[in-house]
Amino acid sequence: MNQLFKNTGRLSRFIFRENRIRIPIWFISLSGITIVIALAFIDLYQNDGERQAMAETMRNPAMTAMVGQGYGLDNYTVGAMMAHQMLLFTAITVAIMSILLVTRHTRAEEEDGRIEMIRSLPSGRLSNLASAIIAVSVTNVLLALITGFGMYALGIESMDLEGSLLYGASLGATGILFTSLTAVFAQLSESSRGTISLSLTVLGLAYLIRAIGDVGNETLSWFSPLGWTLGTEVYVNNYWWPVLLLLVVSFVLTILAFYLNAIRDLNSGFLPSKAGRRNASVFLQSPIGLSFRLQRTTIFAWAVGMFAIGISYGSVLGDLESFMEDIEMMQQLVKPVEGFSLTEQFITMLMAIMSMISTVPALMVAMKIKSEENKNRTEHLLTRSVSRRRLMGSYYILSVATSFIMQFLAVFGLWLAGSAVMEEQITFGTMFSAGMVYLPAIWVMIGVAVLLVGFAPKFTGLLWLYLIYSFIVVYLGDLLQFPAWLSNLSAFGHVPQIPVEDMDFLSVTILMIIAISVSVAGFVGYNRRDIAG
């Protein structure tokens, strides 16, 4: 047994050294934002009356589907508010961090031939997988401790030591669960792309199951690990057993991952890719066809996910108006916009959120060329009659097309479900305009991705942090009363909120010009720089 895990500790230390910049950035981003928002809640809601007014606005089904059930709404302390509005999305981000780190040090290293080199040295068969799981799990534990003690150090009355540690433990346990889950998928899939796709698909399904359960059948929420995370009822009842449940399932998945890794051959998976055609199709013989072939599973999975997200949000639109009529405090707090219903006002927020989610697959497609370059695969194309400009253009066109498809499916799902539950239906044209107006902002993000690939491919990861920043300032900007200039730093902060606001052709045109300019600059940079430079 010892031989199977030989030099696991040394490999774990090597992983930490390799990520000595990446991991601290995650720590600072996640724990820092959490602490800053907790402090902001104190300044924004300085008495019980103001907090209870906010609690009433969070009771509607749309917000329940979005952020989870509101435990402690009858006594909406700063702690209860923090757990209700921030725990779920922070846990999702921690899960994504774990998925990316585990994939990077398991299946991705296997594709690059590094694990074969490590196994030629004095190391055990399971050492690499064990070191990756240990390193990422320790990262999650450290994040949990930093977040927990950091929130307690704020000295907020409703955020005691037990609740703060439970908040951090919920995040850490969620990250550890997806660490183990990704380790299993790394054995099942033959590629890092497949590993990430399967892991993110499960994460998306977990969010949808929880959303449907929280709005309708609470029992259904317990079939989602994210439902377990929220089931801790942090700062309200402080239940620790959901954290234990997350860890127990993580342990079982880890044992499964070790077993699968022990019985499979290197560079193989239990879900092998089916044999391709003997002769490539005409479409596959073009760069854009090849690009689509490499990423079609990811694109299809995200397409289904975006349509499901639209349906899940649309299914709760029918209850908003009645909710507004039943609660007098809500009527006083939410100032109606003349000529527009509450549902139409909520749609603007939903469109912003869905647009930023749609940006994720578009960026994944655009930046795929970087991973192909790192694996020396683009050289095979460039040695043929394929120019760099044409190669980059194929990924760019596919990324732009992906953004349109994702946004359309999300809008169509929202309209389809909303029409089925709303008495006064909103026309598809209105929803289409409200969603598609965000495309220029998404294209700006794609343009920045191309710019980074062209000039600084090593820093493309920073774009994900910028997307997280955009989500925070747009989603929480009004709630936390951020200054306007913070929102203006995001491309999504310049998009007119149709149908509540009129179409702002100037802002949209400027976004288009920026998107085109940075894209052209990225093409120029990629055409001039050294490959893998």
Protein backbone atom coordinates (compact mmCIF):
# COMPACT_ATOMS: atom_id res chain seq x y z
CA MET A 1 0.00 0.00 0.00
CA ASN A 2 2.82 2.41 0.86
CA GLN A 3 4.30 1.89 -2.58
CA LEU A 4 1.08 3.11 -4.21
CA PHE A 5 1.42 6.50 -2.48
CA LYS A 6 5.19 6.84 -2.44
CA ASN A 7 6.43 10.48 -2.45
CA THR A 8 2.87 11.85 -2.33
CA GLY A 9 3.95 14.51 0.14
CA ARG A 10 6.77 15.70 -2.12
CA LEU A 11 4.42 15.93 -5.09
CA SER A 12 1.89 17.87 -2.98
CA ARG A 13 4.56 20.40 -2.06
CA PHE A 14 5.47 20.69 -5.74
CA ILE A 15 1.82 21.47 -6.60
CA PHE A 16 1.73 24.22 -3.98
CA ARG A 17 4.95 25.67 -5.36
CA GLU A 18 3.57 25.56 -8.89
CA ASN A 19 0.44 27.42 -7.74
CA ARG A 20 2.16 29.84 -5.36
CA ILE A 21 0.59 32.77 -7.20
CA ARG A 22 -2.67 31.22 -8.38
CA ILE A 23 -3.86 29.96 -4.97
CA PRO A 24 -3.23 33.24 -3.06
CA ILE A 25 -5.18 35.09 -5.77
CA TRP A 26 -8.14 32.78 -5.13
CA PHE A 27 -7.77 33.33 -1.37
CA ILE A 28 -7.65 37.10 -1.66
CA SER A 29 -10.52 37.23 -4.14
CA LEU A 30 -12.93 34.94 -2.31
CA SER A 31 -12.26 35.79 1.32
CA GLY A 32 -11.63 39.47 0.57
CA ILE A 33 -14.89 39.95 -1.28
CA THR A 34 -16.79 38.08 1.44
CA ILE A 35 -15.40 40.29 4.18
CA VAL A 36 -15.91 43.51 2.20
CA ILE A 37 -19.56 42.68 1.52
CA ALA A 38 -20.16 41.82 5.18
CA LEU A 39 -18.84 45.26 6.15
CA ALA A 40 -20.97 46.88 3.45
CA PHE A 41 -24.13 45.29 4.89
CA ILE A 42 -23.45 47.06 8.20
CA ASP A 43 -23.29 50.48 6.57
CA LEU A 44 -26.28 49.89 4.32
CA TYR A 45 -28.71 48.45 6.89
CA GLN A 46 -28.06 50.07 10.23
CA ASN A 47 -31.23 49.02 12.09
CA ASP A 48 -33.70 46.16 12.30
CA GLY A 49 -36.35 48.00 10.30
CA GLU A 50 -34.12 48.44 7.27
CA ARG A 51 -32.98 44.82 7.41
CA GLN A 52 -36.54 43.52 7.68
CA ALA A 53 -37.56 45.64 4.72
CA MET A 54 -34.81 43.94 2.72
CA ALA A 55 -35.97 40.55 4.03
CA GLU A 56 -39.42 41.13 2.54
CA THR A 57 -37.93 41.79 -0.88
CA MET A 58 -36.05 38.48 -0.67
CA ARG A 59 -39.15 36.37 -0.06
CA ASN A 60 -40.27 36.32 -3.69
CA PRO A 61 -39.83 33.09 -5.70
CA ALA A 62 -37.38 34.64 -8.18
CA MET A 63 -34.91 35.53 -5.45
CA THR A 64 -35.45 32.16 -3.76
CA ALA A 65 -34.58 30.37 -6.99
CA MET A 66 -31.56 32.60 -7.45
CA VAL A 67 -29.93 32.66 -4.00
CA GLY A 68 -31.73 29.94 -2.06
CA GLN A 69 -34.21 29.77 0.79
CA GLY A 70 -33.98 32.60 3.26
CA TYR A 71 -33.37 31.16 6.68
CA GLY A 72 -33.88 33.75 9.39
CA LEU A 73 -36.03 36.14 7.34
CA ASP A 74 -38.18 36.85 10.40
CA ASN A 75 -35.09 38.15 12.19
CA TYR A 76 -32.90 39.30 9.33
CA THR A 77 -29.63 40.02 11.08
CA VAL A 78 -26.46 40.93 9.23
CA GLY A 79 -25.29 37.34 9.63
CA ALA A 80 -28.51 35.85 8.25
CA MET A 81 -28.43 38.36 5.38
CA MET A 82 -24.83 37.49 4.58
CA ALA A 83 -25.48 33.74 4.52
CA HIS A 84 -28.66 34.13 2.48
CA GLN A 85 -27.34 36.42 -0.21
CA MET A 86 -23.69 35.36 -0.52
CA LEU A 87 -23.14 31.77 0.62
CA LEU A 88 -24.52 30.03 -2.47
CA PHE A 89 -22.66 32.01 -5.14
CA THR A 90 -19.44 31.94 -3.12
CA ALA A 91 -19.77 28.15 -2.78
CA ILE A 92 -20.25 27.85 -6.55
CA THR A 93 -17.10 29.89 -7.12
CA VAL A 94 -15.17 27.69 -4.67
CA ALA A 95 -16.44 24.62 -6.54
CA ILE A 96 -15.21 26.07 -9.85
CA MET A 97 -11.82 26.79 -8.28
CA SER A 98 -11.57 23.17 -7.13
CA ILE A 99 -12.65 21.79 -10.51
CA LEU A 100 -10.03 23.82 -12.38
CA LEU A 101 -7.20 23.01 -9.96
CA VAL A 102 -7.89 19.27 -9.84
CA THR A 103 -8.23 19.02 -13.63
CA ARG A 104 -5.01 20.95 -14.08
CA HIS A 105 -3.02 18.51 -11.94
CA THR A 106 -4.63 15.24 -13.02
CA ARG A 107 -6.01 14.77 -16.52
CA ALA A 108 -4.31 17.86 -18.01
CA GLU A 109 -0.88 16.74 -16.78
CA GLU A 110 -1.61 13.26 -18.07
CA GLU A 111 -2.39 14.69 -21.52
CA ASP A 112 0.87 16.65 -21.47
CA GLY A 113 2.90 13.55 -20.59
CA ARG A 114 4.02 14.83 -17.19
CA ILE A 115 2.51 11.98 -15.18
CA GLU A 116 4.35 9.46 -17.36
CA MET A 117 7.57 11.27 -16.54
CA ILE A 118 6.72 11.33 -12.81
CA ARG A 119 5.95 7.62 -12.80
CA SER A 120 9.37 6.91 -14.29
CA LEU A 121 10.79 8.31 -11.05
CA PRO A 122 10.41 6.79 -7.55
CA SER A 123 6.69 7.52 -7.09
CA GLY A 124 3.60 5.46 -6.50
CA ARG A 125 0.88 4.66 -8.99
CA LEU A 126 -1.65 6.71 -7.02
CA SER A 127 0.77 9.41 -5.84
CA ASN A 128 -0.12 12.01 -8.45
CA LEU A 129 -3.88 11.72 -7.91
CA ALA A 130 -3.42 11.67 -4.14
CA SER A 131 -1.16 14.74 -4.19
CA ALA A 132 -3.67 16.67 -6.31
CA ILE A 133 -6.57 15.78 -4.00
CA ILE A 134 -4.52 16.61 -0.90
CA ALA A 135 -3.26 19.93 -2.28
CA VAL A 136 -6.70 21.14 -3.41
CA SER A 137 -8.37 19.89 -0.22
CA VAL A 138 -5.80 21.70 1.92
CA THR A 139 -6.43 24.79 -0.19
CA ASN A 140 -10.14 24.53 0.62
CA VAL A 141 -9.44 24.02 4.33
CA LEU A 142 -7.18 27.09 4.43
CA LEU A 143 -9.81 29.11 2.57
CA ALA A 144 -12.43 27.96 5.10
CA LEU A 145 -10.25 29.03 8.05
CA ILE A 146 -9.28 32.37 6.52
CA THR A 147 -12.89 33.18 5.68
CA GLY A 148 -14.28 31.95 9.00
CA PHE A 149 -11.83 33.73 11.30
CA GLY A 150 -11.84 36.77 9.03
CA MET A 151 -15.60 37.19 9.35
CA TYR A 152 -15.48 36.66 13.10
CA ALA A 153 -12.71 39.26 13.39
CA LEU A 154 -15.13 41.88 12.04
CA GLY A 155 -16.80 41.92 15.44
CA ILE A 156 -20.36 41.94 14.08
CA GLU A 157 -22.79 40.93 16.82
CA SER A 158 -24.83 38.46 14.76
CA MET A 159 -21.72 36.83 13.28
CA ASP A 160 -20.39 34.80 16.21
CA LEU A 161 -17.41 32.43 16.15
CA GLU A 162 -19.44 29.25 15.57
CA GLY A 163 -21.46 30.74 12.73
CA SER A 164 -18.39 32.25 11.09
CA LEU A 165 -16.47 28.97 11.24
CA LEU A 166 -19.53 27.15 9.88
CA TYR A 167 -19.73 29.65 7.01
CA GLY A 168 -16.13 28.92 6.12
CA ALA A 169 -16.59 25.17 6.66
CA SER A 170 -19.58 25.14 4.30
CA LEU A 171 -17.45 26.69 1.58
CA GLY A 172 -14.51 24.39 2.26
CA ALA A 173 -16.66 21.23 2.35
CA THR A 174 -18.34 22.18 -0.92
CA GLY A 175 -14.93 22.69 -2.51
CA ILE A 176 -13.69 19.34 -1.18
CA LEU A 177 -16.78 17.58 -2.57
CA PHE A 178 -16.16 18.94 -6.06
CA THR A 179 -12.46 18.13 -5.64
CA SER A 180 -13.37 14.47 -5.19
CA LEU A 181 -16.03 14.57 -7.89
CA THR A 182 -13.60 16.05 -10.42
CA ALA A 183 -11.03 13.41 -9.46
CA VAL A 184 -13.59 10.74 -10.42
CA PHE A 185 -14.38 12.43 -13.72
CA ALA A 186 -10.64 12.66 -14.42
CA GLN A 187 -10.65 8.86 -14.47
CA LEU A 188 -13.82 8.54 -16.52
CA SER A 189 -12.96 11.07 -19.22
CA GLU A 190 -10.09 10.81 -21.68
CA SER A 191 -9.39 14.56 -21.74
CA SER A 192 -9.15 17.58 -19.49
CA ARG A 193 -11.86 19.20 -21.57
CA GLY A 194 -14.20 16.31 -20.86
CA THR A 195 -13.32 16.36 -17.16
CA ILE A 196 -14.17 20.03 -16.83
CA SER A 197 -17.34 19.64 -18.91
CA LEU A 198 -18.64 16.76 -16.78
CA SER A 199 -17.79 18.54 -13.53
CA LEU A 200 -19.40 21.82 -14.56
CA THR A 201 -22.44 19.96 -15.83
CA VAL A 202 -22.95 18.36 -12.42
CA LEU A 203 -22.46 21.76 -10.79
CA GLY A 204 -25.07 23.28 -13.09
CA LEU A 205 -27.52 20.44 -12.43
CA ALA A 206 -26.95 20.84 -8.70
CA TYR A 207 -27.87 24.52 -8.97
CA LEU A 208 -31.00 23.80 -11.04
CA ILE A 209 -32.22 21.00 -8.77
CA ARG A 210 -31.73 23.23 -5.74
CA ALA A 211 -33.52 26.15 -7.42
CA ILE A 212 -36.53 24.03 -8.38
CA GLY A 213 -36.63 22.44 -4.95
CA ASP A 214 -36.35 25.70 -3.03
CA VAL A 215 -39.25 27.22 -4.96
CA GLY A 216 -41.48 24.13 -5.11
CA ASN A 217 -40.62 20.93 -3.28
CA GLU A 218 -38.10 21.45 -0.48
CA THR A 219 -37.30 17.72 -0.41
CA LEU A 220 -35.88 18.00 -3.93
CA SER A 221 -33.27 20.48 -2.69
CA TRP A 222 -31.66 17.74 -0.62
CA PHE A 223 -30.77 15.87 -3.80
CA SER A 224 -28.34 18.70 -4.58
CA PRO A 225 -25.00 19.18 -2.80
CA LEU A 226 -25.62 22.93 -2.99
CA GLY A 227 -28.83 22.27 -1.07
CA TRP A 228 -26.70 20.66 1.62
CA THR A 229 -24.48 23.74 1.72
CA LEU A 230 -27.46 26.03 2.31
CA GLY A 231 -28.95 23.49 4.73
CA THR A 232 -26.35 24.51 7.30
CA GLU A 233 -28.54 27.58 7.98
CA VAL A 234 -25.46 29.58 8.90
CA TYR A 235 -25.88 32.33 11.52
CA VAL A 236 -29.45 31.15 12.17
CA ASN A 237 -29.49 27.56 13.45
CA ASN A 238 -25.88 26.60 12.65
CA TYR A 239 -26.36 22.97 11.62
CA TRP A 240 -23.04 21.17 11.23
CA TRP A 241 -24.36 17.83 9.96
CA PRO A 242 -24.67 18.99 6.30
CA VAL A 243 -20.94 19.74 6.36
CA LEU A 244 -20.32 16.23 7.68
CA LEU A 245 -22.53 14.85 4.90
CA LEU A 246 -20.50 16.73 2.28
CA LEU A 247 -17.27 15.33 3.70
CA VAL A 248 -18.58 11.75 3.91
CA VAL A 249 -19.69 11.83 0.26
CA SER A 250 -16.32 13.37 -0.63
CA PHE A 251 -14.53 10.49 1.10
CA VAL A 252 -16.58 7.92 -0.82
CA LEU A 253 -15.89 9.68 -4.13
CA THR A 254 -12.18 9.85 -3.30
CA ILE A 255 -12.03 6.09 -2.68
CA LEU A 256 -13.83 5.57 -6.01
CA ALA A 257 -11.36 7.85 -7.79
CA PHE A 258 -8.39 5.91 -6.36
CA TYR A 259 -9.94 2.58 -7.39
CA LEU A 260 -10.61 3.76 -10.94
CA ASN A 261 -7.13 5.24 -11.23
CA ALA A 262 -5.58 1.97 -10.04
CA ILE A 263 -7.32 -0.22 -12.64
CA ARG A 264 -7.08 1.96 -15.74
CA ASP A 265 -4.19 2.43 -18.12
CA LEU A 266 -2.36 5.72 -18.41
CA ASN A 267 -3.88 8.10 -20.99
CA SER A 268 -7.09 6.10 -21.10
CA GLY A 269 -10.55 6.67 -19.63
CA PHE A 270 -13.65 4.67 -18.87
CA LEU A 271 -15.68 6.84 -21.22
CA PRO A 272 -13.57 6.46 -24.36
CA SER A 273 -14.19 8.61 -27.36
CA LYS A 274 -15.96 6.80 -30.14
CA ALA A 275 -14.00 6.02 -33.27
CA GLY A 276 -14.09 8.78 -35.84
CA ARG A 277 -14.74 8.55 -39.54
CA ARG A 278 -12.12 7.08 -41.83
CA ASN A 279 -12.31 10.22 -44.00
CA ALA A 280 -12.95 13.66 -42.58
CA SER A 281 -15.98 15.62 -43.75
CA VAL A 282 -15.57 18.81 -45.75
CA PHE A 283 -16.59 20.83 -42.71
CA LEU A 284 -13.99 19.14 -40.51
CA GLN A 285 -11.24 19.96 -43.02
CA SER A 286 -11.58 23.68 -42.23
CA PRO A 287 -10.10 25.34 -39.11
CA ILE A 288 -13.49 26.43 -37.85
CA GLY A 289 -14.89 22.93 -38.36
CA LEU A 290 -12.00 21.43 -36.42
CA SER A 291 -12.45 24.02 -33.67
CA PHE A 292 -16.12 23.15 -33.36
CA ARG A 293 -15.37 19.42 -33.36
CA LEU A 294 -12.95 19.83 -30.48
CA GLN A 295 -15.46 21.77 -28.41
CA ARG A 296 -18.86 20.50 -29.49
CA THR A 297 -19.46 18.52 -26.28
CA THR A 298 -18.77 21.60 -24.17
CA ILE A 299 -20.94 23.80 -26.39
CA PHE A 300 -23.86 21.35 -26.38
CA ALA A 301 -23.65 20.88 -22.60
CA TRP A 302 -23.67 24.62 -21.98
CA ALA A 303 -26.51 25.08 -24.48
CA VAL A 304 -28.69 22.64 -22.54
CA GLY A 305 -27.67 24.31 -19.30
CA MET A 306 -28.51 27.83 -20.48
CA PHE A 307 -31.92 26.70 -21.74
CA ALA A 308 -32.57 25.02 -18.38
CA ILE A 309 -31.50 28.14 -16.49
CA GLY A 310 -33.91 30.22 -18.55
CA ILE A 311 -36.75 27.79 -17.84
CA SER A 312 -35.99 27.67 -14.10
CA TYR A 313 -36.06 31.46 -13.81
CA GLY A 314 -39.11 31.79 -16.06
CA SER A 315 -41.10 29.28 -14.01
CA VAL A 316 -41.27 31.65 -11.04
CA LEU A 317 -42.29 34.81 -12.89
CA GLY A 318 -46.00 34.12 -12.46
CA ASP A 319 -45.86 34.62 -8.67
CA LEU A 320 -44.12 38.00 -8.62
CA GLU A 321 -47.12 40.26 -9.12
CA SER A 322 -49.23 38.51 -6.48
CA PHE A 323 -46.27 38.63 -4.13
CA MET A 324 -46.09 42.40 -4.64
CA GLU A 325 -49.79 42.83 -3.89
CA ASP A 326 -49.71 40.77 -0.70
CA ILE A 327 -46.87 42.57 1.06
CA GLU A 328 -47.37 46.24 1.80
CA MET A 329 -43.76 46.74 2.90
CA MET A 330 -42.57 45.51 -0.48
CA GLN A 331 -44.72 48.12 -2.19
CA GLN A 332 -43.13 50.83 -0.07
CA LEU A 333 -39.59 49.60 -0.61
CA VAL A 334 -39.64 48.86 -4.33
CA LYS A 335 -40.43 52.04 -6.16
CA PRO A 336 -42.37 51.07 -9.27
CA VAL A 337 -41.31 52.38 -12.64
CA GLU A 338 -44.29 54.01 -14.29
CA GLY A 339 -45.67 51.91 -17.11
CA PHE A 340 -43.74 48.76 -16.19
CA SER A 341 -44.69 45.80 -14.02
CA LEU A 342 -42.58 44.33 -11.24
CA THR A 343 -41.99 41.29 -13.43
CA GLU A 344 -40.49 43.46 -16.17
CA GLN A 345 -38.20 45.08 -13.61
CA PHE A 346 -37.01 41.66 -12.42
CA ILE A 347 -36.37 40.57 -15.99
CA THR A 348 -33.68 43.23 -16.36
CA MET A 349 -31.79 41.71 -13.42
CA LEU A 350 -32.27 38.17 -14.70
CA MET A 351 -31.00 39.14 -18.14
CA ALA A 352 -27.82 40.61 -16.67
CA ILE A 353 -27.13 37.46 -14.66
CA MET A 354 -27.88 35.09 -17.54
CA SER A 355 -25.70 37.19 -19.86
CA MET A 356 -22.68 36.86 -17.60
CA ILE A 357 -23.27 33.12 -17.34
CA SER A 358 -23.48 32.97 -21.15
CA THR A 359 -20.10 34.69 -21.26
CA VAL A 360 -18.41 31.68 -19.64
CA PRO A 361 -18.77 29.21 -22.56
CA ALA A 362 -18.01 31.97 -25.08
CA LEU A 363 -14.71 32.71 -23.31
CA MET A 364 -13.92 29.00 -23.02
CA VAL A 365 -14.26 28.68 -26.79
CA ALA A 366 -12.19 31.79 -27.49
CA MET A 367 -9.35 30.75 -25.20
CA LYS A 368 -9.29 27.13 -26.35
CA ILE A 369 -6.64 28.11 -28.90
CA LYS A 370 -4.26 28.86 -26.04
CA SER A 371 -4.50 25.34 -24.60
CA GLU A 372 -4.13 23.84 -28.08
CA GLU A 373 -1.02 25.98 -28.56
CA ASN A 374 0.43 24.91 -25.22
CA LYS A 375 0.11 21.28 -26.34
CA ASN A 376 1.88 22.05 -29.64
CA ARG A 377 -1.20 21.12 -31.66
CA THR A 378 -1.53 24.40 -33.54
CA GLU A 379 1.87 23.81 -35.14
CA HIS A 380 0.40 20.97 -37.19
CA LEU A 381 -2.12 23.38 -38.70
CA LEU A 382 0.24 26.29 -39.21
CA THR A 383 2.69 24.12 -41.15
CA ARG A 384 -0.07 23.64 -43.71
CA SER A 385 -1.90 26.22 -45.80
CA VAL A 386 -3.52 27.78 -42.71
CA SER A 387 -2.51 31.26 -41.64
CA ARG A 388 -2.42 32.42 -38.04
CA ARG A 389 -5.10 34.96 -38.83
CA ARG A 390 -7.41 32.27 -40.19
CA LEU A 391 -6.72 29.98 -37.23
CA MET A 392 -7.47 32.68 -34.69
CA GLY A 393 -10.47 33.77 -36.74
CA SER A 394 -12.01 30.30 -36.54
CA TYR A 395 -11.99 30.37 -32.73
CA TYR A 396 -13.20 33.96 -32.69
CA ILE A 397 -16.14 33.33 -35.02
CA LEU A 398 -17.13 30.21 -33.10
CA SER A 399 -16.94 32.14 -29.82
CA VAL A 400 -19.18 34.93 -31.12
CA ALA A 401 -21.65 32.38 -32.48
CA THR A 402 -21.60 30.57 -29.15
CA SER A 403 -22.45 33.78 -27.29
CA PHE A 404 -25.48 34.34 -29.51
CA ILE A 405 -26.69 30.74 -29.18
CA MET A 406 -26.32 30.71 -25.38
CA GLN A 407 -28.06 34.03 -24.97
CA PHE A 408 -30.87 33.05 -27.32
CA LEU A 409 -31.51 29.74 -25.56
CA ALA A 410 -31.56 31.42 -22.15
CA VAL A 411 -34.00 34.08 -23.37
CA PHE A 412 -36.17 31.50 -25.15
CA GLY A 413 -36.31 29.31 -22.03
CA LEU A 414 -37.22 32.31 -19.88
CA TRP A 415 -39.99 33.35 -22.28
CA LEU A 416 -41.30 29.81 -22.73
CA ALA A 417 -41.64 29.08 -19.01
CA GLY A 418 -42.80 32.62 -18.21
CA SER A 419 -45.56 32.48 -20.79
CA ALA A 420 -46.87 29.28 -19.23
CA VAL A 421 -47.23 30.75 -15.72
CA MET A 422 -47.94 34.47 -16.30
CA GLU A 423 -51.44 35.85 -16.76
CA GLU A 424 -50.18 38.92 -18.60
CA GLN A 425 -47.52 37.54 -20.89
CA ILE A 426 -44.49 39.51 -21.97
CA THR A 427 -43.91 39.27 -25.71
CA PHE A 428 -40.98 37.30 -27.02
CA GLY A 429 -39.79 40.40 -28.87
CA THR A 430 -39.46 42.30 -25.60
CA MET A 431 -37.51 39.51 -23.93
CA PHE A 432 -35.39 39.00 -27.03
CA SER A 433 -34.41 42.68 -27.06
CA ALA A 434 -33.73 42.66 -23.30
CA GLY A 435 -31.38 39.70 -23.68
CA MET A 436 -29.65 40.39 -26.97
CA VAL A 437 -28.73 43.94 -25.99
CA TYR A 438 -26.07 42.32 -23.76
CA LEU A 439 -24.27 40.73 -26.71
CA PRO A 440 -21.95 43.74 -27.31
CA ALA A 441 -20.77 43.49 -23.68
CA ILE A 442 -20.11 39.77 -24.14
CA TRP A 443 -18.23 40.54 -27.35
CA VAL A 444 -16.06 43.01 -25.45
CA MET A 445 -15.12 40.16 -23.11
CA ILE A 446 -14.35 37.93 -26.11
CA GLY A 447 -12.26 40.74 -27.62
CA VAL A 448 -10.25 41.09 -24.42
CA ALA A 449 -9.69 37.32 -24.45
CA VAL A 450 -8.34 37.55 -28.01
CA LEU A 451 -6.18 40.51 -26.97
CA LEU A 452 -4.65 38.54 -24.09
CA VAL A 453 -4.08 35.48 -26.28
CA GLY A 454 -2.39 37.72 -28.82
CA PHE A 455 -0.09 39.62 -26.48
CA ALA A 456 -0.02 37.98 -23.03
CA PRO A 457 -1.38 34.40 -23.14
CA LYS A 458 -0.05 33.66 -19.65
CA PHE A 459 -2.46 36.21 -18.18
CA THR A 460 -5.68 35.00 -19.79
CA GLY A 461 -6.79 33.65 -16.40
CA LEU A 462 -7.20 37.21 -15.15
CA LEU A 463 -10.22 37.55 -17.43
CA TRP A 464 -12.15 35.17 -15.18
CA LEU A 465 -11.49 37.45 -12.22
CA TYR A 466 -12.77 40.38 -14.26
CA LEU A 467 -15.94 38.44 -15.05
CA ILE A 468 -16.41 37.71 -11.34
CA TYR A 469 -15.88 41.41 -10.63
CA SER A 470 -18.51 42.29 -13.24
CA PHE A 471 -20.97 39.90 -11.65
CA ILE A 472 -20.44 41.44 -8.22
CA VAL A 473 -20.77 45.09 -9.26
CA VAL A 474 -23.77 44.44 -11.52
CA TYR A 475 -25.63 41.95 -9.33
CA LEU A 476 -24.81 43.53 -5.97
CA GLY A 477 -24.06 47.09 -7.06
CA ASP A 478 -27.48 48.55 -6.27
CA LEU A 479 -27.93 46.39 -3.19
CA LEU A 480 -24.62 47.50 -1.67
CA GLN A 481 -24.85 51.02 -3.11
CA PHE A 482 -21.50 50.82 -4.85
CA PRO A 483 -20.34 54.06 -6.46
CA ALA A 484 -21.26 54.33 -10.14
CA TRP A 485 -17.65 54.29 -11.32
CA LEU A 486 -17.23 50.69 -10.11
CA SER A 487 -20.05 49.57 -12.37
CA ASN A 488 -18.67 51.66 -15.22
CA LEU A 489 -15.45 49.62 -15.12
CA SER A 490 -17.44 46.63 -16.33
CA ALA A 491 -18.70 46.32 -19.89
CA PHE A 492 -21.97 44.98 -18.51
CA GLY A 493 -22.48 48.19 -16.54
CA HIS A 494 -23.07 50.15 -19.78
CA VAL A 495 -25.87 47.98 -21.17
CA PRO A 496 -29.36 49.59 -21.21
CA GLN A 497 -31.83 47.65 -19.06
CA ILE A 498 -34.58 46.95 -21.54
CA PRO A 499 -37.60 47.12 -21.21
CA VAL A 500 -37.42 49.45 -18.19
CA GLU A 501 -34.95 51.75 -19.93
CA ASP A 502 -34.94 52.97 -23.50
CA MET A 503 -32.44 51.61 -25.98
CA ASP A 504 -29.15 53.51 -25.65
CA PHE A 505 -27.66 53.26 -29.13
CA LEU A 506 -24.62 55.35 -28.16
CA SER A 507 -23.55 53.01 -25.34
CA VAL A 508 -24.14 49.92 -27.44
CA THR A 509 -22.21 51.42 -30.37
CA ILE A 510 -19.28 52.30 -28.11
CA LEU A 511 -19.23 48.73 -26.76
CA MET A 512 -19.20 47.43 -30.33
CA ILE A 513 -16.31 49.71 -31.27
CA ILE A 514 -14.34 48.59 -28.20
CA ALA A 515 -15.06 44.93 -28.98
CA ILE A 516 -13.88 45.31 -32.58
CA SER A 517 -10.80 47.36 -31.61
CA VAL A 518 -9.47 44.97 -28.97
CA SER A 519 -10.23 42.01 -31.23
CA VAL A 520 -8.27 43.49 -34.13
CA ALA A 521 -5.39 44.30 -31.80
CA GLY A 522 -5.44 40.72 -30.54
CA PHE A 523 -5.31 39.37 -34.10
CA VAL A 524 -2.31 41.60 -34.84
CA GLY A 525 -0.54 40.46 -31.68
CA TYR A 526 -1.16 36.77 -32.36
CA ASN A 527 0.06 37.14 -35.93
CA ARG A 528 3.36 38.65 -34.78
CA ARG A 529 4.28 36.82 -31.60
CA ASP A 530 6.07 33.50 -31.30
CA ILE A 531 3.89 30.45 -30.87
CA ALA A 532 3.76 29.34 -27.24
CA GLY A 533 5.33 32.69 -26.42
